[in-house]
Amino acid sequence: MNRPSPELAAMKKAARAEAKDRLRGLTPRRDEVSARIIEHLTGSLEWSGATAVMAYLAMP
């Protein structure tokens, strides 16, 4: 069985960790923005016309 070199394995592990950190950094920003939009719409008269925005926010 061919095993990758320890250097290559370490580089791959570091790349995965960096990618996870970047994703974690993006997720709270989206949640914070979504919460602000929802708060604004629920407190305004725009709520009835906000179905497109709500559909966008509901998308994964």
Protein backbone atom coordinates (compact mmCIF):
# COMPACT_ATOMS: atom_id res chain seq x y z
CA MET A 1 0.00 0.00 0.00
CA ASN A 2 1.42 3.38 -0.96
CA ARG A 3 1.32 5.88 1.85
CA PRO A 4 1.85 9.58 1.19
CA SER A 5 4.97 11.15 2.59
CA PRO A 6 4.63 12.71 6.04
CA GLU A 7 5.28 16.14 4.51
CA LEU A 8 2.44 15.74 2.00
CA ALA A 9 0.07 14.47 4.70
CA ALA A 10 0.94 17.47 6.90
CA MET A 11 0.35 19.89 4.01
CA LYS A 12 -3.05 18.34 3.27
CA LYS A 13 -4.03 18.48 6.95
CA ALA A 14 -3.01 22.15 7.15
CA ALA A 15 -4.97 22.96 3.97
CA ARG A 16 -8.10 21.28 5.37
CA ALA A 17 -7.76 23.17 8.65
CA GLU A 18 -7.35 26.48 6.80
CA ALA A 19 -10.42 25.78 4.65
CA LYS A 20 -12.50 24.97 7.75
CA ASP A 21 -11.36 28.20 9.42
CA ARG A 22 -12.37 30.21 6.36
CA LEU A 23 -15.80 28.59 6.29
CA ARG A 24 -16.31 29.24 10.00
CA GLY A 25 -15.43 32.87 9.41
CA LEU A 26 -18.06 33.21 6.69
CA THR A 27 -20.96 31.49 8.41
CA PRO A 28 -21.55 33.90 11.33
CA ARG A 29 -21.47 36.87 8.98
CA ARG A 30 -24.31 35.42 6.89
CA ASP A 31 -26.32 34.59 10.00
CA GLU A 32 -25.83 38.09 11.41
CA VAL A 33 -26.89 39.75 8.16
CA SER A 34 -29.90 37.43 7.81
CA ALA A 35 -31.00 38.19 11.37
CA ARG A 36 -30.79 41.94 10.73
CA ILE A 37 -32.82 41.68 7.52
CA ILE A 38 -35.48 39.56 9.21
CA GLU A 39 -35.63 41.95 12.17
CA HIS A 40 -36.04 44.92 9.84
CA LEU A 41 -38.76 43.26 7.75
CA THR A 42 -40.78 42.00 10.70
CA GLY A 43 -40.83 45.51 12.17
CA SER A 44 -41.89 47.24 8.99
CA LEU A 45 -44.70 47.44 6.47
CA GLU A 46 -42.46 45.75 3.90
CA TRP A 47 -43.16 42.38 5.50
CA SER A 48 -46.02 41.57 3.12
CA GLY A 49 -43.81 42.10 0.06
CA ALA A 50 -40.78 40.33 1.42
CA THR A 51 -41.46 36.78 0.24
CA ALA A 52 -38.57 36.84 -2.25
CA VAL A 53 -36.14 37.95 0.44
CA MET A 54 -37.42 35.34 2.87
CA ALA A 55 -37.11 32.63 0.21
CA TYR A 56 -33.50 33.67 -0.37
CA LEU A 57 -32.73 33.56 3.35
CA ALA A 58 -34.30 30.12 3.65
CA MET A 59 -31.95 28.67 1.02
CA PRO A 60 -29.01 26.70 2.41
